[in-house]
Amino acid sequence: MSIREARPSGQYSTPPAGGDRRAPWACRESGPPEPPKPRLLDRVRQALRTRHLSRRTEEPHVVWIRRSIFFHNKRHPAEMGAPEVTGFLTSLAVDGHVAASTQNQALSGLLFLYRDVLEIDLPWLDGIVRAKRPERLPVVLTSAEVRAVLQRLDGVPRLMACLLYGAGLRVLECCRLRVQDVDFATNPIAVRGSKGDKDRVTMLPAVPTVDLARHLRAVRAQHHSDIAAGVGWVELPMALVRKYWNAGRQWVWQ
């Protein structure tokens, strides 16, 4: 379909003989413009979330990829390769004096970028100056020191500290515990979606059992009040809300 530009009467030009008989002012309608390609860091985030990696893994990956790009004067990583990656990681150890774990974290982020996002295989990085991992004596509290710390806590913070110490939970693992994860009959605690998106089972310590049961009774009363007020929803993992749309209001998921 062509669109003819309006011109005053008597001012139409004669098309050249044997040539294109379309008016010079005619044009073709173009299709819809192509959507812009996602930016590199957005592609990294999408690849991480597609693999169900945690947000705590996503954040350092994006940070180190951005720092590598700025280190090489904003060159696109697709235009670089093993020498540039080696130079950046060596600079972290030599100039930045970072710890070995920090350098390994940066290496993991860059390897993910090249292998899983850009789909570029990097050769073995032999020329990296590795940050030295110093040997440190572990700092372990004695039983008396742990007892002194717990005695200075009260309420929910004390309950959480007892679970962290007695059940060996990480902080986020303790914060994400749901009612159905604790079995007071046989005393196991189901830790779901832990580091590396893995599940595991640990034991409920005896000391905080009574306080935990009292805390759950108070929370359940509050939950019933919330439900009566038309609220009381809780976030569900993954896309479970699309399958069990009302599960977010059930007590076991609180």
Protein backbone atom coordinates (compact mmCIF):
# COMPACT_ATOMS: atom_id res chain seq x y z
CA MET A 1 0.00 0.00 0.00
CA SER A 2 1.34 3.48 -0.85
CA ILE A 3 0.65 6.78 0.73
CA ARG A 4 0.41 9.75 -1.65
CA GLU A 5 1.51 13.09 -0.41
CA ALA A 6 -1.07 15.80 -0.94
CA ARG A 7 0.08 18.52 -3.37
CA PRO A 8 -1.66 21.55 -4.86
CA SER A 9 -3.63 20.94 -8.06
CA GLY A 10 -1.59 21.15 -11.28
CA GLN A 11 1.77 20.54 -9.64
CA TYR A 12 2.11 16.77 -10.20
CA SER A 13 5.23 15.86 -12.11
CA THR A 14 5.15 13.50 -15.10
CA PRO A 15 6.83 10.14 -14.41
CA PRO A 16 9.84 9.47 -16.62
CA ALA A 17 9.24 7.32 -19.68
CA GLY A 18 10.26 3.71 -19.24
CA GLY A 19 11.15 4.30 -15.61
CA ASP A 20 9.43 3.86 -12.28
CA ARG A 21 5.88 5.14 -12.84
CA ARG A 22 5.28 5.64 -9.12
CA ALA A 23 5.06 9.21 -7.97
CA PRO A 24 8.36 10.42 -6.48
CA TRP A 25 6.53 11.40 -3.34
CA ALA A 26 5.03 7.91 -2.85
CA CYS A 27 6.40 5.65 -0.13
CA ARG A 28 5.75 2.20 1.25
CA GLU A 29 4.39 1.54 4.70
CA SER A 30 7.04 -0.01 6.88
CA GLY A 31 6.25 -2.77 9.35
CA PRO A 32 6.37 -2.35 13.11
CA PRO A 33 9.82 -1.44 14.38
CA GLU A 34 11.85 -4.25 15.85
CA PRO A 35 11.92 -4.24 19.65
CA PRO A 36 15.25 -3.05 21.04
CA LYS A 37 17.62 -5.79 22.06
CA PRO A 38 18.02 -6.17 25.82
CA ARG A 39 21.12 -4.69 27.33
CA LEU A 40 23.97 -6.96 28.35
CA LEU A 41 23.41 -6.78 32.10
CA ASP A 42 19.68 -7.40 31.59
CA ARG A 43 20.59 -10.52 29.63
CA VAL A 44 22.82 -11.61 32.49
CA ARG A 45 20.00 -11.15 35.01
CA GLN A 46 17.58 -13.03 32.79
CA ALA A 47 20.01 -15.94 32.37
CA LEU A 48 20.59 -16.11 36.14
CA ARG A 49 16.88 -16.09 36.94
CA THR A 50 16.15 -18.68 34.25
CA ARG A 51 18.53 -21.00 36.09
CA HIS A 52 16.76 -20.20 39.39
CA LEU A 53 19.90 -18.81 41.00
CA SER A 54 19.42 -16.68 44.09
CA ARG A 55 19.43 -12.90 44.16
CA ARG A 56 22.55 -13.05 46.33
CA THR A 57 24.29 -14.80 43.44
CA GLU A 58 22.87 -12.39 40.88
CA GLU A 59 24.07 -9.23 42.61
CA PRO A 60 27.84 -9.98 42.74
CA HIS A 61 27.80 -11.41 39.20
CA VAL A 62 26.37 -8.17 37.82
CA VAL A 63 28.73 -6.05 39.92
CA TRP A 64 31.89 -7.84 38.74
CA ILE A 65 30.81 -7.85 35.10
CA ARG A 66 30.18 -4.11 35.28
CA ARG A 67 33.55 -3.50 36.97
CA SER A 68 35.31 -5.51 34.28
CA ILE A 69 33.66 -3.44 31.55
CA PHE A 70 34.72 -0.16 33.19
CA PHE A 71 38.23 -1.54 33.78
CA HIS A 72 38.61 -1.96 30.02
CA ASN A 73 37.25 1.50 29.18
CA LYS A 74 33.68 0.32 28.53
CA ARG A 75 34.61 -2.14 25.80
CA HIS A 76 31.95 -4.73 25.11
CA PRO A 77 32.90 -8.14 26.55
CA ALA A 78 32.17 -9.78 23.18
CA GLU A 79 35.13 -7.83 21.78
CA MET A 80 37.43 -9.13 24.51
CA GLY A 81 38.66 -12.52 25.56
CA ALA A 82 41.02 -14.42 27.82
CA PRO A 83 43.81 -11.75 27.90
CA GLU A 84 41.37 -9.06 29.11
CA VAL A 85 39.79 -11.36 31.71
CA THR A 86 43.26 -12.37 32.93
CA GLY A 87 44.35 -8.74 33.14
CA PHE A 88 41.30 -7.73 35.18
CA LEU A 89 41.61 -10.62 37.64
CA THR A 90 45.36 -10.05 38.02
CA SER A 91 44.74 -6.37 38.73
CA LEU A 92 42.35 -7.33 41.52
CA ALA A 93 45.07 -9.34 43.24
CA VAL A 94 48.08 -7.11 42.52
CA ASP A 95 46.59 -3.62 42.69
CA GLY A 96 43.40 -4.20 44.66
CA HIS A 97 44.87 -6.64 47.19
CA VAL A 98 41.55 -8.48 47.32
CA ALA A 99 41.08 -11.76 49.14
CA ALA A 100 41.17 -15.05 47.27
CA SER A 101 37.45 -15.55 47.76
CA THR A 102 36.76 -12.14 46.19
CA GLN A 103 38.88 -12.94 43.16
CA ASN A 104 37.13 -16.30 42.77
CA GLN A 105 33.77 -14.55 42.95
CA ALA A 106 34.80 -12.19 40.14
CA LEU A 107 36.06 -15.15 38.08
CA SER A 108 32.74 -16.97 38.51
CA GLY A 109 30.80 -13.94 37.31
CA LEU A 110 32.95 -13.49 34.20
CA LEU A 111 32.88 -17.20 33.34
CA PHE A 112 29.10 -17.15 33.57
CA LEU A 113 28.98 -14.13 31.27
CA TYR A 114 31.10 -15.71 28.55
CA ARG A 115 29.84 -19.29 28.73
CA ASP A 116 26.13 -18.87 29.48
CA VAL A 117 25.27 -15.42 28.09
CA LEU A 118 27.69 -14.70 25.22
CA GLU A 119 28.27 -18.42 24.52
CA ILE A 120 32.00 -17.90 24.09
CA ASP A 121 34.40 -20.57 25.34
CA LEU A 122 37.37 -19.05 27.10
CA PRO A 123 40.63 -21.01 27.07
CA TRP A 124 42.20 -22.04 30.34
CA LEU A 125 43.31 -18.90 32.15
CA ASP A 126 46.89 -19.75 33.07
CA GLY A 127 48.30 -16.26 33.43
CA ILE A 128 46.19 -15.08 36.38
CA VAL A 129 48.09 -13.93 39.43
CA ARG A 130 46.16 -15.67 42.19
CA ALA A 131 45.36 -13.88 45.41
CA LYS A 132 46.86 -15.79 48.33
CA ARG A 133 44.51 -17.36 50.81
CA PRO A 134 46.02 -16.73 54.25
CA GLU A 135 45.72 -19.30 56.97
CA ARG A 136 43.69 -17.98 59.88
CA LEU A 137 42.79 -19.51 63.18
CA PRO A 138 39.00 -19.98 63.43
CA VAL A 139 37.20 -17.87 65.99
CA VAL A 140 34.84 -20.12 67.93
CA LEU A 141 32.80 -18.97 70.91
CA THR A 142 32.84 -21.09 74.00
CA SER A 143 29.60 -22.39 75.53
CA ALA A 144 29.81 -19.76 78.25
CA GLU A 145 30.24 -16.97 75.67
CA VAL A 146 27.29 -18.22 73.64
CA ARG A 147 25.16 -18.38 76.77
CA ALA A 148 26.17 -14.81 77.67
CA VAL A 149 25.15 -13.58 74.21
CA LEU A 150 21.78 -15.34 74.31
CA GLN A 151 21.02 -14.03 77.79
CA ARG A 152 21.25 -10.47 76.46
CA LEU A 153 18.66 -11.12 73.76
CA ASP A 154 14.90 -11.20 74.14
CA GLY A 155 11.79 -12.00 72.12
CA VAL A 156 12.01 -12.95 68.46
CA PRO A 157 15.74 -12.04 68.10
CA ARG A 158 16.60 -14.48 70.90
CA LEU A 159 14.44 -17.19 69.32
CA MET A 160 16.15 -16.71 65.97
CA ALA A 161 19.62 -16.73 67.55
CA CYS A 162 18.81 -20.02 69.31
CA LEU A 163 17.76 -21.55 65.99
CA LEU A 164 20.86 -20.23 64.24
CA TYR A 165 23.14 -21.69 66.88
CA GLY A 166 21.27 -24.87 67.76
CA ALA A 167 20.07 -25.95 64.30
CA GLY A 168 22.99 -24.57 62.27
CA LEU A 169 20.79 -22.33 60.13
CA ARG A 170 21.97 -19.46 58.00
CA VAL A 171 20.31 -16.10 58.56
CA LEU A 172 18.12 -16.22 55.43
CA GLU A 173 17.27 -19.87 56.08
CA CYS A 174 15.93 -18.88 59.49
CA CYS A 175 13.99 -15.90 58.09
CA ARG A 176 12.37 -18.08 55.40
CA LEU A 177 11.15 -20.85 57.70
CA ARG A 178 7.46 -21.62 57.30
CA VAL A 179 5.09 -23.30 59.71
CA GLN A 180 5.06 -26.56 57.76
CA ASP A 181 8.89 -26.76 57.84
CA VAL A 182 9.00 -27.47 61.60
CA ASP A 183 7.72 -30.78 62.99
CA PHE A 184 7.36 -30.68 66.76
CA ALA A 185 6.55 -34.40 66.93
CA THR A 186 9.87 -35.75 65.61
CA ASN A 187 11.84 -32.45 65.77
CA PRO A 188 13.18 -32.14 62.20
CA ILE A 189 13.44 -28.78 60.41
CA ALA A 190 13.14 -28.82 56.62
CA VAL A 191 15.38 -26.16 55.09
CA ARG A 192 14.13 -25.48 51.56
CA GLY A 193 15.83 -23.61 48.75
CA SER A 194 19.08 -23.20 50.64
CA LYS A 195 22.44 -22.24 49.15
CA GLY A 196 22.67 -23.65 45.66
CA ASP A 197 18.87 -24.07 45.64
CA LYS A 198 19.19 -27.31 47.63
CA ASP A 199 17.00 -28.71 50.39
CA ARG A 200 18.28 -30.29 53.55
CA VAL A 201 17.03 -31.44 56.95
CA THR A 202 18.38 -30.41 60.34
CA MET A 203 17.19 -30.96 63.90
CA LEU A 204 15.16 -28.64 66.10
CA PRO A 205 17.13 -27.92 69.29
CA ALA A 206 15.39 -28.59 72.58
CA VAL A 207 16.05 -25.20 74.19
CA PRO A 208 13.90 -22.95 71.95
CA THR A 209 11.09 -25.49 71.43
CA VAL A 210 8.77 -24.04 74.10
CA ASP A 211 9.45 -20.44 73.01
CA LEU A 212 8.92 -21.35 69.36
CA ALA A 213 5.55 -23.00 70.12
CA ARG A 214 4.47 -19.92 72.10
CA HIS A 215 5.57 -17.66 69.25
CA LEU A 216 3.56 -19.68 66.71
CA ARG A 217 0.41 -19.46 68.85
CA ALA A 218 0.70 -15.67 68.92
CA VAL A 219 1.41 -15.48 65.20
CA ARG A 220 -1.56 -17.75 64.43
CA ALA A 221 -3.90 -15.49 66.38
CA GLN A 222 -2.57 -12.51 64.42
CA HIS A 223 -3.00 -14.46 61.18
CA HIS A 224 -6.67 -15.15 61.93
CA SER A 225 -7.19 -11.44 62.55
CA ASP A 226 -5.51 -10.62 59.26
CA ILE A 227 -7.68 -13.11 57.39
CA ALA A 228 -10.82 -11.59 58.93
CA ALA A 229 -9.64 -8.18 57.72
CA GLY A 230 -9.23 -9.47 54.16
CA VAL A 231 -5.44 -9.68 54.18
CA GLY A 232 -3.00 -12.27 55.51
CA TRP A 233 -1.31 -13.19 52.24
CA VAL A 234 2.28 -14.42 52.18
CA GLU A 235 4.66 -14.77 49.24
CA LEU A 236 4.90 -18.25 47.75
CA PRO A 237 8.04 -19.73 46.19
CA MET A 238 8.46 -19.83 42.42
CA ALA A 239 5.16 -19.90 40.45
CA LEU A 240 3.25 -21.89 43.06
CA VAL A 241 0.66 -19.13 43.40
CA ARG A 242 -0.60 -19.84 39.87
CA LYS A 243 -1.26 -23.48 40.76
CA TYR A 244 -2.58 -22.98 44.29
CA TRP A 245 -3.94 -19.45 44.14
CA ASN A 246 -5.30 -19.49 47.72
CA ALA A 247 -2.31 -21.15 49.38
CA GLY A 248 -0.84 -17.78 50.33
CA ARG A 249 -3.52 -17.37 52.99
CA GLN A 250 -3.16 -20.85 54.49
CA TRP A 251 -1.56 -21.19 57.90
CA VAL A 252 1.06 -23.79 56.91
CA TRP A 253 2.62 -21.36 54.42
CA GLN A 254 3.02 -18.54 56.95
